[in-house]
Amino acid sequence: NRDKPEISSGLSLFEDITHQPRLAMRPCSRPLNRIRNMQTIIAPSNSIIIYLILIHKNLHEPMYIFIAALLLNVVIYSTTIYPKLLIDFLSEKQIISYSACLFQFFIIYSLGCSEFFLLAAMAYDRYPAICKPLQYPTIMRKSTVTWLVPATSIAVQAIGMAKSKLCSFHLKSIFCNNTIYTLQCVRSKLVTVFGIVCYFDFVILPLLFIVFTYTKIFIVSYHSCKEIKKKAAETCLPHILVLVSFSCFGVYDVTIARVESDFPKTARFIVSLQLILYQPLFNPLIYGLKMKEISKHLKRLTLML
């Protein structure tokens, strides 16, 4: 009945997989070194592309601004997850206060929902750029995208969960995702319904819009000249790859974590590791290599160094 109960995290999954005592998970262990190495790569790699977009005027276009916002999301996400994860690896007990867990939940899902918003904005940007190039400056000049709506809605959900009574203090995850619902004695119907509405508004609707928009783009480009087809492939493919990758993890989070499925611990750990280590690297790799203009500036910067 403490005001701020402490929750044990699912980092003990490493014990189940490696069959080694917790004391073996010290700085010399492979998982810890991997997380450290990835942390030193993820923030700089995303920040470099953000920097290139900011300093080069030819990249001051809606599409590149949206890419910079996506990469900024990754930087915020990594700074939210990695410090706590490293502390957990170095500690004998992996614990987090319920309020801190809710804050982590708020950051993760606010960024996740804004990512779908940004991907929808990118799809909206690509349609006039490819299908109506003459009207593109007029259409995109009047367009605005906001991240405040998802963050506000997730905040309401987190505040609602803060008042819930807890019957369990062991989180079946290495970070605070939807598994936080399994800690509650009774799930609030209001919070559950509100969560479903948020999921529909911030994930399903943007996803349907993206699929519809890219379908129209590919239909138009299919009946157009070779140059239009090439432009569609070069600019749309990176967005689609990022969308597919992010959506797969979104499906996992909803179908496995929230419905309390008996998912194997090893598989759950592997997917979580992919989500926190490799997914944040996926965006800069895709946009840095596949986007022609960004790739050019990246090569010049590399030559200068």
C-alpha atoms as a PDB file:
ATOM      1  CA  ASN A   1       0.000   0.000   0.000  1.00  0.00           C
ATOM      2  CA  ARG A   2       2.899   2.342  -0.639  1.00  0.00           C
ATOM      3  CA  ASP A   3       2.218   5.602  -2.453  1.00  0.00           C
ATOM      4  CA  LYS A   4       4.937   4.903  -5.016  1.00  0.00           C
ATOM      5  CA  PRO A   5       5.391   1.139  -5.241  1.00  0.00           C
ATOM      6  CA  GLU A   6       8.492  -0.290  -6.869  1.00  0.00           C
ATOM      7  CA  ILE A   7       8.142  -2.756  -9.716  1.00  0.00           C
ATOM      8  CA  SER A   8      10.648  -5.414 -10.695  1.00  0.00           C
ATOM      9  CA  SER A   9      11.364  -5.398 -14.426  1.00  0.00           C
ATOM     10  CA  GLY A  10      11.619  -8.338 -16.796  1.00  0.00           C
ATOM     11  CA  LEU A  11      15.369  -8.046 -17.133  1.00  0.00           C
ATOM     12  CA  SER A  12      15.566 -11.395 -15.334  1.00  0.00           C
ATOM     13  CA  LEU A  13      14.739 -12.816 -18.763  1.00  0.00           C
ATOM     14  CA  PHE A  14      18.489 -12.818 -19.326  1.00  0.00           C
ATOM     15  CA  GLU A  15      18.891 -15.311 -16.516  1.00  0.00           C
ATOM     16  CA  ASP A  16      16.355 -17.669 -18.110  1.00  0.00           C
ATOM     17  CA  ILE A  17      18.044 -17.483 -21.513  1.00  0.00           C
ATOM     18  CA  THR A  18      21.702 -17.670 -20.516  1.00  0.00           C
ATOM     19  CA  HIS A  19      21.147 -20.010 -17.522  1.00  0.00           C
ATOM     20  CA  GLN A  20      23.728 -17.956 -15.631  1.00  0.00           C
ATOM     21  CA  PRO A  21      23.438 -16.259 -12.223  1.00  0.00           C
ATOM     22  CA  ARG A  22      22.602 -12.562 -12.113  1.00  0.00           C
ATOM     23  CA  LEU A  23      26.143 -11.738 -11.004  1.00  0.00           C
ATOM     24  CA  ALA A  24      27.368 -12.796 -14.448  1.00  0.00           C
ATOM     25  CA  MET A  25      25.557  -9.832 -15.974  1.00  0.00           C
ATOM     26  CA  ARG A  26      28.318  -7.379 -15.248  1.00  0.00           C
ATOM     27  CA  PRO A  27      30.054  -4.887 -17.564  1.00  0.00           C
ATOM     28  CA  CYS A  28      32.007  -7.722 -19.212  1.00  0.00           C
ATOM     29  CA  SER A  29      28.853  -9.519 -20.360  1.00  0.00           C
ATOM     30  CA  ARG A  30      27.932  -9.551 -24.037  1.00  0.00           C
ATOM     31  CA  PRO A  31      24.402  -8.068 -23.754  1.00  0.00           C
ATOM     32  CA  LEU A  32      25.703  -5.110 -21.736  1.00  0.00           C
ATOM     33  CA  ASN A  33      28.525  -4.430 -24.188  1.00  0.00           C
ATOM     34  CA  ARG A  34      26.059  -4.668 -27.066  1.00  0.00           C
ATOM     35  CA  ILE A  35      23.702  -2.150 -25.468  1.00  0.00           C
ATOM     36  CA  ARG A  36      26.594   0.212 -24.729  1.00  0.00           C
ATOM     37  CA  ASN A  37      27.876  -0.043 -28.292  1.00  0.00           C
ATOM     38  CA  MET A  38      24.437   0.477 -29.793  1.00  0.00           C
ATOM     39  CA  GLN A  39      23.819   3.477 -27.533  1.00  0.00           C
ATOM     40  CA  THR A  40      27.015   5.137 -28.757  1.00  0.00           C
ATOM     41  CA  ILE A  41      25.886   4.566 -32.376  1.00  0.00           C
ATOM     42  CA  ILE A  42      22.145   5.313 -32.277  1.00  0.00           C
ATOM     43  CA  ALA A  43      22.128   8.898 -30.939  1.00  0.00           C
ATOM     44  CA  PRO A  44      25.038  10.148 -33.109  1.00  0.00           C
ATOM     45  CA  SER A  45      23.805   8.436 -36.314  1.00  0.00           C
ATOM     46  CA  ASN A  46      20.328   9.963 -35.961  1.00  0.00           C
ATOM     47  CA  SER A  47      21.710  13.339 -34.848  1.00  0.00           C
ATOM     48  CA  ILE A  48      24.084  13.575 -37.840  1.00  0.00           C
ATOM     49  CA  ILE A  49      21.220  13.251 -40.330  1.00  0.00           C
ATOM     50  CA  ILE A  50      19.136  15.781 -38.341  1.00  0.00           C
ATOM     51  CA  TYR A  51      22.131  18.142 -38.446  1.00  0.00           C
ATOM     52  CA  LEU A  52      22.536  17.703 -42.230  1.00  0.00           C
ATOM     53  CA  ILE A  53      18.857  18.472 -42.792  1.00  0.00           C
ATOM     54  CA  LEU A  54      19.084  21.606 -40.638  1.00  0.00           C
ATOM     55  CA  ILE A  55      22.218  23.109 -42.236  1.00  0.00           C
ATOM     56  CA  HIS A  56      21.532  22.398 -45.921  1.00  0.00           C
ATOM     57  CA  LYS A  57      18.897  24.621 -47.520  1.00  0.00           C
ATOM     58  CA  ASN A  58      18.095  22.142 -50.294  1.00  0.00           C
ATOM     59  CA  LEU A  59      16.875  19.789 -47.567  1.00  0.00           C
ATOM     60  CA  HIS A  60      14.488  22.374 -46.127  1.00  0.00           C
ATOM     61  CA  GLU A  61      11.505  20.665 -47.716  1.00  0.00           C
ATOM     62  CA  PRO A  62       8.518  19.049 -45.972  1.00  0.00           C
ATOM     63  CA  MET A  63       9.676  15.490 -46.660  1.00  0.00           C
ATOM     64  CA  TYR A  64      13.101  16.054 -45.077  1.00  0.00           C
ATOM     65  CA  ILE A  65      11.622  17.982 -42.157  1.00  0.00           C
ATOM     66  CA  PHE A  66       9.354  14.994 -41.461  1.00  0.00           C
ATOM     67  CA  ILE A  67      12.397  12.688 -41.638  1.00  0.00           C
ATOM     68  CA  ALA A  68      14.243  14.921 -39.140  1.00  0.00           C
ATOM     69  CA  ALA A  69      11.228  14.750 -36.803  1.00  0.00           C
ATOM     70  CA  LEU A  70      11.181  10.941 -37.069  1.00  0.00           C
ATOM     71  CA  LEU A  71      14.876  10.749 -36.214  1.00  0.00           C
ATOM     72  CA  LEU A  72      14.412  13.193 -33.332  1.00  0.00           C
ATOM     73  CA  ASN A  73      11.766  10.803 -31.981  1.00  0.00           C
ATOM     74  CA  VAL A  74      14.380   8.028 -32.054  1.00  0.00           C
ATOM     75  CA  VAL A  75      16.885  10.163 -30.109  1.00  0.00           C
ATOM     76  CA  ILE A  76      14.280  10.955 -27.424  1.00  0.00           C
ATOM     77  CA  TYR A  77      13.210   7.287 -27.314  1.00  0.00           C
ATOM     78  CA  SER A  78      16.780   6.040 -26.863  1.00  0.00           C
ATOM     79  CA  THR A  79      17.541   8.542 -24.090  1.00  0.00           C
ATOM     80  CA  THR A  80      14.379   7.372 -22.304  1.00  0.00           C
ATOM     81  CA  ILE A  81      15.141   3.641 -22.567  1.00  0.00           C
ATOM     82  CA  TYR A  82      18.919   3.117 -22.473  1.00  0.00           C
ATOM     83  CA  PRO A  83      20.033   4.838 -19.237  1.00  0.00           C
ATOM     84  CA  LYS A  84      17.531   2.818 -17.170  1.00  0.00           C
ATOM     85  CA  LEU A  85      18.369  -0.361 -19.070  1.00  0.00           C
ATOM     86  CA  LEU A  86      22.102   0.044 -18.388  1.00  0.00           C
ATOM     87  CA  ILE A  87      21.411   0.700 -14.704  1.00  0.00           C
ATOM     88  CA  ASP A  88      19.332  -2.505 -14.593  1.00  0.00           C
ATOM     89  CA  PHE A  89      22.170  -4.523 -16.106  1.00  0.00           C
ATOM     90  CA  LEU A  90      24.600  -3.227 -13.514  1.00  0.00           C
ATOM     91  CA  SER A  91      22.213  -3.764 -10.592  1.00  0.00           C
ATOM     92  CA  GLU A  92      21.488  -6.961  -8.707  1.00  0.00           C
ATOM     93  CA  LYS A  93      17.793  -6.051  -8.633  1.00  0.00           C
ATOM     94  CA  GLN A  94      15.927  -4.475 -11.510  1.00  0.00           C
ATOM     95  CA  ILE A  95      13.319  -2.160 -10.031  1.00  0.00           C
ATOM     96  CA  ILE A  96      11.510   0.973 -11.108  1.00  0.00           C
ATOM     97  CA  SER A  97       8.959   3.143  -9.324  1.00  0.00           C
ATOM     98  CA  TYR A  98       5.422   2.986 -10.664  1.00  0.00           C
ATOM     99  CA  SER A  99       5.435   6.725 -11.429  1.00  0.00           C
ATOM    100  CA  ALA A 100       8.697   6.399 -13.401  1.00  0.00           C
ATOM    101  CA  CYS A 101       7.236   3.407 -15.240  1.00  0.00           C
ATOM    102  CA  LEU A 102       4.167   5.434 -16.204  1.00  0.00           C
ATOM    103  CA  PHE A 103       6.401   8.248 -17.433  1.00  0.00           C
ATOM    104  CA  GLN A 104       8.344   5.786 -19.593  1.00  0.00           C
ATOM    105  CA  PHE A 105       5.020   4.416 -20.873  1.00  0.00           C
ATOM    106  CA  PHE A 106       3.912   7.970 -21.738  1.00  0.00           C
ATOM    107  CA  ILE A 107       7.113   8.794 -23.672  1.00  0.00           C
ATOM    108  CA  ILE A 108       7.193   5.488 -25.593  1.00  0.00           C
ATOM    109  CA  TYR A 109       3.574   5.610 -26.771  1.00  0.00           C
ATOM    110  CA  SER A 110       3.532   9.364 -27.423  1.00  0.00           C
ATOM    111  CA  LEU A 111       6.534   8.910 -29.729  1.00  0.00           C
ATOM    112  CA  GLY A 112       5.010   5.764 -31.257  1.00  0.00           C
ATOM    113  CA  CYS A 113       1.743   7.515 -32.117  1.00  0.00           C
ATOM    114  CA  SER A 114       3.563  10.574 -33.457  1.00  0.00           C
ATOM    115  CA  GLU A 115       5.605   8.251 -35.696  1.00  0.00           C
ATOM    116  CA  PHE A 116       2.419   7.024 -37.384  1.00  0.00           C
ATOM    117  CA  PHE A 117       1.299  10.666 -37.723  1.00  0.00           C
ATOM    118  CA  LEU A 118       4.619  11.563 -39.365  1.00  0.00           C
ATOM    119  CA  LEU A 119       4.512   8.573 -41.707  1.00  0.00           C
ATOM    120  CA  ALA A 120       0.980   9.627 -42.709  1.00  0.00           C
ATOM    121  CA  ALA A 121       2.244  13.177 -43.302  1.00  0.00           C
ATOM    122  CA  MET A 122       5.041  11.764 -45.485  1.00  0.00           C
ATOM    123  CA  ALA A 123       2.507   9.817 -47.534  1.00  0.00           C
ATOM    124  CA  TYR A 124       0.425  13.005 -47.885  1.00  0.00           C
ATOM    125  CA  ASP A 125       3.580  14.846 -48.979  1.00  0.00           C
ATOM    126  CA  ARG A 126       4.547  12.230 -51.585  1.00  0.00           C
ATOM    127  CA  TYR A 127       1.125  12.203 -53.290  1.00  0.00           C
ATOM    128  CA  PRO A 128       1.179  15.799 -54.635  1.00  0.00           C
ATOM    129  CA  ALA A 129       4.963  15.612 -55.205  1.00  0.00           C
ATOM    130  CA  ILE A 130       4.536  12.649 -57.580  1.00  0.00           C
ATOM    131  CA  CYS A 131       0.947  12.887 -58.817  1.00  0.00           C
ATOM    132  CA  LYS A 132       0.423  16.685 -58.802  1.00  0.00           C
ATOM    133  CA  PRO A 133       3.910  18.237 -58.975  1.00  0.00           C
ATOM    134  CA  LEU A 134       2.678  21.641 -60.208  1.00  0.00           C
ATOM    135  CA  GLN A 135       0.334  22.015 -57.216  1.00  0.00           C
ATOM    136  CA  TYR A 136       2.863  20.661 -54.685  1.00  0.00           C
ATOM    137  CA  PRO A 137       4.205  24.023 -53.345  1.00  0.00           C
ATOM    138  CA  THR A 138       0.667  25.341 -52.773  1.00  0.00           C
ATOM    139  CA  ILE A 139      -0.634  22.166 -51.112  1.00  0.00           C
ATOM    140  CA  MET A 140       2.299  21.605 -48.745  1.00  0.00           C
ATOM    141  CA  ARG A 141       2.675  25.285 -47.811  1.00  0.00           C
ATOM    142  CA  LYS A 142      -0.768  25.119 -46.184  1.00  0.00           C
ATOM    143  CA  SER A 143      -0.067  21.856 -44.350  1.00  0.00           C
ATOM    144  CA  THR A 144       0.812  21.519 -40.700  1.00  0.00           C
ATOM    145  CA  VAL A 145       1.499  18.491 -38.517  1.00  0.00           C
ATOM    146  CA  THR A 146       1.216  18.429 -34.740  1.00  0.00           C
ATOM    147  CA  TRP A 147       2.491  15.973 -32.150  1.00  0.00           C
ATOM    148  CA  LEU A 148       0.445  17.509 -29.316  1.00  0.00           C
ATOM    149  CA  VAL A 149      -2.733  15.469 -29.877  1.00  0.00           C
ATOM    150  CA  PRO A 150      -1.133  11.992 -29.369  1.00  0.00           C
ATOM    151  CA  ALA A 151       0.932  13.173 -26.380  1.00  0.00           C
ATOM    152  CA  THR A 152      -2.094  14.752 -24.701  1.00  0.00           C
ATOM    153  CA  SER A 153      -4.219  11.627 -25.174  1.00  0.00           C
ATOM    154  CA  ILE A 154      -1.490   9.285 -23.886  1.00  0.00           C
ATOM    155  CA  ALA A 155      -1.024  11.592 -20.878  1.00  0.00           C
ATOM    156  CA  VAL A 156      -4.731  11.242 -20.025  1.00  0.00           C
ATOM    157  CA  GLN A 157      -4.384   7.453 -20.257  1.00  0.00           C
ATOM    158  CA  ALA A 158      -1.269   7.433 -18.026  1.00  0.00           C
ATOM    159  CA  ILE A 159      -2.987   9.633 -15.414  1.00  0.00           C
ATOM    160  CA  GLY A 160      -5.943   7.238 -15.421  1.00  0.00           C
ATOM    161  CA  MET A 161      -3.637   4.267 -14.812  1.00  0.00           C
ATOM    162  CA  ALA A 162      -1.849   6.080 -11.990  1.00  0.00           C
ATOM    163  CA  LYS A 163      -4.997   5.705  -9.869  1.00  0.00           C
ATOM    164  CA  SER A 164      -5.283   1.948 -10.460  1.00  0.00           C
ATOM    165  CA  LYS A 165      -4.652  -0.483  -7.610  1.00  0.00           C
ATOM    166  CA  LEU A 166      -1.747  -2.889  -8.230  1.00  0.00           C
ATOM    167  CA  CYS A 167      -1.860  -6.592  -7.384  1.00  0.00           C
ATOM    168  CA  SER A 168       1.393  -7.574  -9.101  1.00  0.00           C
ATOM    169  CA  PHE A 169       4.822  -5.968  -8.912  1.00  0.00           C
ATOM    170  CA  HIS A 170       6.660  -7.962 -11.569  1.00  0.00           C
ATOM    171  CA  LEU A 171       6.693  -6.481 -15.061  1.00  0.00           C
ATOM    172  CA  LYS A 172       6.989  -9.056 -17.857  1.00  0.00           C
ATOM    173  CA  SER A 173       9.119  -6.773 -19.985  1.00  0.00           C
ATOM    174  CA  ILE A 174      12.497  -5.042 -19.886  1.00  0.00           C
ATOM    175  CA  PHE A 175      10.796  -1.661 -20.275  1.00  0.00           C
ATOM    176  CA  CYS A 176       7.368  -0.218 -19.475  1.00  0.00           C
ATOM    177  CA  ASN A 177       5.135  -1.064 -22.420  1.00  0.00           C
ATOM    178  CA  ASN A 178       1.563  -2.393 -22.505  1.00  0.00           C
ATOM    179  CA  THR A 179       2.490  -5.143 -20.039  1.00  0.00           C
ATOM    180  CA  ILE A 180       1.939  -2.496 -17.359  1.00  0.00           C
ATOM    181  CA  TYR A 181      -1.773  -3.399 -17.600  1.00  0.00           C
ATOM    182  CA  THR A 182      -1.022  -6.870 -16.184  1.00  0.00           C
ATOM    183  CA  LEU A 183       0.013  -5.279 -12.879  1.00  0.00           C
ATOM    184  CA  GLN A 184      -3.455  -3.912 -12.153  1.00  0.00           C
ATOM    185  CA  CYS A 185      -5.921  -5.787  -9.966  1.00  0.00           C
ATOM    186  CA  VAL A 186      -8.825  -4.716 -12.140  1.00  0.00           C
ATOM    187  CA  ARG A 187      -8.469  -2.962 -15.465  1.00  0.00           C
ATOM    188  CA  SER A 188     -10.366   0.314 -15.596  1.00  0.00           C
ATOM    189  CA  LYS A 189     -13.057   0.073 -18.276  1.00  0.00           C
ATOM    190  CA  LEU A 190     -12.749   3.795 -18.937  1.00  0.00           C
ATOM    191  CA  VAL A 191      -8.958   3.571 -19.477  1.00  0.00           C
ATOM    192  CA  THR A 192      -9.383   0.461 -21.649  1.00  0.00           C
ATOM    193  CA  VAL A 193     -12.029   2.081 -23.862  1.00  0.00           C
ATOM    194  CA  PHE A 194      -9.993   5.291 -24.066  1.00  0.00           C
ATOM    195  CA  GLY A 195      -6.919   3.226 -25.046  1.00  0.00           C
ATOM    196  CA  ILE A 196      -8.857   1.499 -27.842  1.00  0.00           C
ATOM    197  CA  VAL A 197     -10.083   4.867 -29.140  1.00  0.00           C
ATOM    198  CA  CYS A 198      -6.514   6.236 -29.083  1.00  0.00           C
ATOM    199  CA  TYR A 199      -5.230   3.149 -30.888  1.00  0.00           C
ATOM    200  CA  PHE A 200      -7.892   3.563 -33.582  1.00  0.00           C
ATOM    201  CA  ASP A 201      -7.303   7.324 -33.968  1.00  0.00           C
ATOM    202  CA  PHE A 202      -3.502   7.363 -33.838  1.00  0.00           C
ATOM    203  CA  VAL A 203      -2.582   4.008 -35.407  1.00  0.00           C
ATOM    204  CA  ILE A 204      -5.393   2.448 -37.475  1.00  0.00           C
ATOM    205  CA  LEU A 205      -6.618   5.642 -39.194  1.00  0.00           C
ATOM    206  CA  PRO A 206      -3.114   6.891 -40.137  1.00  0.00           C
ATOM    207  CA  LEU A 207      -2.235   3.378 -41.322  1.00  0.00           C
ATOM    208  CA  LEU A 208      -5.328   3.187 -43.547  1.00  0.00           C
ATOM    209  CA  PHE A 209      -4.578   6.648 -44.901  1.00  0.00           C
ATOM    210  CA  ILE A 210      -0.969   5.638 -45.670  1.00  0.00           C
ATOM    211  CA  VAL A 211      -2.017   2.436 -47.469  1.00  0.00           C
ATOM    212  CA  PHE A 212      -4.677   4.314 -49.463  1.00  0.00           C
ATOM    213  CA  THR A 213      -2.263   7.120 -50.424  1.00  0.00           C
ATOM    214  CA  TYR A 214       0.611   4.864 -51.508  1.00  0.00           C
ATOM    215  CA  THR A 215      -1.820   2.700 -53.480  1.00  0.00           C
ATOM    216  CA  LYS A 216      -2.941   5.795 -55.408  1.00  0.00           C
ATOM    217  CA  ILE A 217       0.679   6.854 -55.925  1.00  0.00           C
ATOM    218  CA  PHE A 218       1.669   3.458 -57.339  1.00  0.00           C
ATOM    219  CA  ILE A 219      -1.398   3.355 -59.610  1.00  0.00           C
ATOM    220  CA  VAL A 220      -0.567   6.813 -61.017  1.00  0.00           C
ATOM    221  CA  SER A 221       3.164   6.063 -61.366  1.00  0.00           C
ATOM    222  CA  TYR A 222       2.409   2.712 -63.058  1.00  0.00           C
ATOM    223  CA  HIS A 223       0.604   4.554 -65.860  1.00  0.00           C
ATOM    224  CA  SER A 224       3.236   7.307 -66.045  1.00  0.00           C
ATOM    225  CA  CYS A 225       6.653   7.659 -67.652  1.00  0.00           C
ATOM    226  CA  LYS A 226       9.828   5.952 -66.492  1.00  0.00           C
ATOM    227  CA  GLU A 227      11.048   9.086 -64.672  1.00  0.00           C
ATOM    228  CA  ILE A 228       7.906   9.244 -62.491  1.00  0.00           C
ATOM    229  CA  LYS A 229       8.224   5.538 -61.674  1.00  0.00           C
ATOM    230  CA  LYS A 230      11.848   6.046 -60.644  1.00  0.00           C
ATOM    231  CA  LYS A 231      10.952   9.045 -58.458  1.00  0.00           C
ATOM    232  CA  ALA A 232       8.155   7.081 -56.776  1.00  0.00           C
ATOM    233  CA  ALA A 233      10.456   4.134 -56.078  1.00  0.00           C
ATOM    234  CA  GLU A 234      13.311   6.306 -54.739  1.00  0.00           C
ATOM    235  CA  THR A 235      11.214   8.446 -52.396  1.00  0.00           C
ATOM    236  CA  CYS A 236       8.408   6.085 -51.337  1.00  0.00           C
ATOM    237  CA  LEU A 237      10.335   2.852 -50.761  1.00  0.00           C
ATOM    238  CA  PRO A 238      12.275   4.106 -47.666  1.00  0.00           C
ATOM    239  CA  HIS A 239       9.015   5.315 -46.057  1.00  0.00           C
ATOM    240  CA  ILE A 240       7.313   1.981 -46.757  1.00  0.00           C
ATOM    241  CA  LEU A 241      10.223  -0.017 -45.298  1.00  0.00           C
ATOM    242  CA  VAL A 242      10.142   2.078 -42.110  1.00  0.00           C
ATOM    243  CA  LEU A 243       6.343   1.753 -41.945  1.00  0.00           C
ATOM    244  CA  VAL A 244       6.395  -2.055 -42.318  1.00  0.00           C
ATOM    245  CA  SER A 245       9.142  -2.442 -39.719  1.00  0.00           C
ATOM    246  CA  PHE A 246       7.459  -0.149 -37.183  1.00  0.00           C
ATOM    247  CA  SER A 247       4.001  -1.657 -37.795  1.00  0.00           C
ATOM    248  CA  CYS A 248       5.295  -5.195 -37.123  1.00  0.00           C
ATOM    249  CA  PHE A 249       6.511  -4.153 -33.688  1.00  0.00           C
ATOM    250  CA  GLY A 250       3.222  -2.337 -33.100  1.00  0.00           C
ATOM    251  CA  VAL A 251       1.284  -5.523 -33.874  1.00  0.00           C
ATOM    252  CA  TYR A 252       3.529  -7.461 -31.463  1.00  0.00           C
ATOM    253  CA  ASP A 253       2.976  -4.924 -28.694  1.00  0.00           C
ATOM    254  CA  VAL A 254      -0.817  -5.039 -28.965  1.00  0.00           C
ATOM    255  CA  THR A 255      -1.414  -8.742 -29.670  1.00  0.00           C
ATOM    256  CA  ILE A 256       1.210 -10.179 -27.295  1.00  0.00           C
ATOM    257  CA  ALA A 257       1.770  -7.717 -24.467  1.00  0.00           C
ATOM    258  CA  ARG A 258      -1.751  -6.414 -23.937  1.00  0.00           C
ATOM    259  CA  VAL A 259      -3.708  -9.673 -24.288  1.00  0.00           C
ATOM    260  CA  GLU A 260      -1.351 -11.420 -21.839  1.00  0.00           C
ATOM    261  CA  SER A 261      -0.512 -14.218 -24.256  1.00  0.00           C
ATOM    262  CA  ASP A 262       1.759 -17.058 -23.108  1.00  0.00           C
ATOM    263  CA  PHE A 263       4.507 -15.948 -25.458  1.00  0.00           C
ATOM    264  CA  PRO A 264       7.811 -17.809 -24.893  1.00  0.00           C
ATOM    265  CA  LYS A 265      10.209 -15.801 -22.732  1.00  0.00           C
ATOM    266  CA  THR A 266      13.092 -16.239 -25.168  1.00  0.00           C
ATOM    267  CA  ALA A 267      11.027 -15.015 -28.121  1.00  0.00           C
ATOM    268  CA  ARG A 268       9.662 -12.104 -26.070  1.00  0.00           C
ATOM    269  CA  PHE A 269      13.195 -11.112 -25.115  1.00  0.00           C
ATOM    270  CA  ILE A 270      14.460 -11.297 -28.721  1.00  0.00           C
ATOM    271  CA  VAL A 271      11.613  -9.101 -30.017  1.00  0.00           C
ATOM    272  CA  SER A 272      12.146  -6.597 -27.177  1.00  0.00           C
ATOM    273  CA  LEU A 273      15.870  -6.495 -27.946  1.00  0.00           C
ATOM    274  CA  GLN A 274      15.137  -5.862 -31.620  1.00  0.00           C
ATOM    275  CA  LEU A 275      12.802  -3.043 -30.645  1.00  0.00           C
ATOM    276  CA  ILE A 276      15.224  -1.242 -28.337  1.00  0.00           C
ATOM    277  CA  LEU A 277      18.511  -1.905 -30.159  1.00  0.00           C
ATOM    278  CA  TYR A 278      18.052  -2.418 -33.874  1.00  0.00           C
ATOM    279  CA  GLN A 279      14.833  -0.560 -34.719  1.00  0.00           C
ATOM    280  CA  PRO A 280      16.329   2.836 -33.671  1.00  0.00           C
ATOM    281  CA  LEU A 281      19.208   2.172 -36.093  1.00  0.00           C
ATOM    282  CA  PHE A 282      16.894   1.193 -38.928  1.00  0.00           C
ATOM    283  CA  ASN A 283      15.623   4.735 -39.664  1.00  0.00           C
ATOM    284  CA  PRO A 284      19.034   6.442 -40.116  1.00  0.00           C
ATOM    285  CA  LEU A 285      20.292   3.515 -42.191  1.00  0.00           C
ATOM    286  CA  ILE A 286      17.285   3.586 -44.510  1.00  0.00           C
ATOM    287  CA  TYR A 287      17.110   7.367 -44.885  1.00  0.00           C
ATOM    288  CA  GLY A 288      20.874   7.835 -44.943  1.00  0.00           C
ATOM    289  CA  LEU A 289      21.442   5.255 -47.696  1.00  0.00           C
ATOM    290  CA  LYS A 290      18.198   5.300 -49.682  1.00  0.00           C
ATOM    291  CA  MET A 291      17.379   9.022 -49.796  1.00  0.00           C
ATOM    292  CA  LYS A 292      19.542  10.400 -52.589  1.00  0.00           C
ATOM    293  CA  GLU A 293      20.036  13.971 -51.325  1.00  0.00           C
ATOM    294  CA  ILE A 294      20.764  12.943 -47.733  1.00  0.00           C
ATOM    295  CA  SER A 295      23.179  10.280 -48.968  1.00  0.00           C
ATOM    296  CA  LYS A 296      25.092  12.898 -51.005  1.00  0.00           C
ATOM    297  CA  HIS A 297      25.590  15.201 -48.022  1.00  0.00           C
ATOM    298  CA  LEU A 298      26.480  12.224 -45.827  1.00  0.00           C
ATOM    299  CA  LYS A 299      29.236  11.164 -48.241  1.00  0.00           C
ATOM    300  CA  ARG A 300      30.612  14.723 -48.371  1.00  0.00           C
ATOM    301  CA  LEU A 301      30.663  14.912 -44.592  1.00  0.00           C
ATOM    302  CA  THR A 302      32.471  11.558 -44.420  1.00  0.00           C
ATOM    303  CA  LEU A 303      35.108  12.768 -46.905  1.00  0.00           C
ATOM    304  CA  MET A 304      35.619  15.954 -44.877  1.00  0.00           C
ATOM    305  CA  LEU A 305      36.297  13.888 -41.755  1.00  0.00           C
END
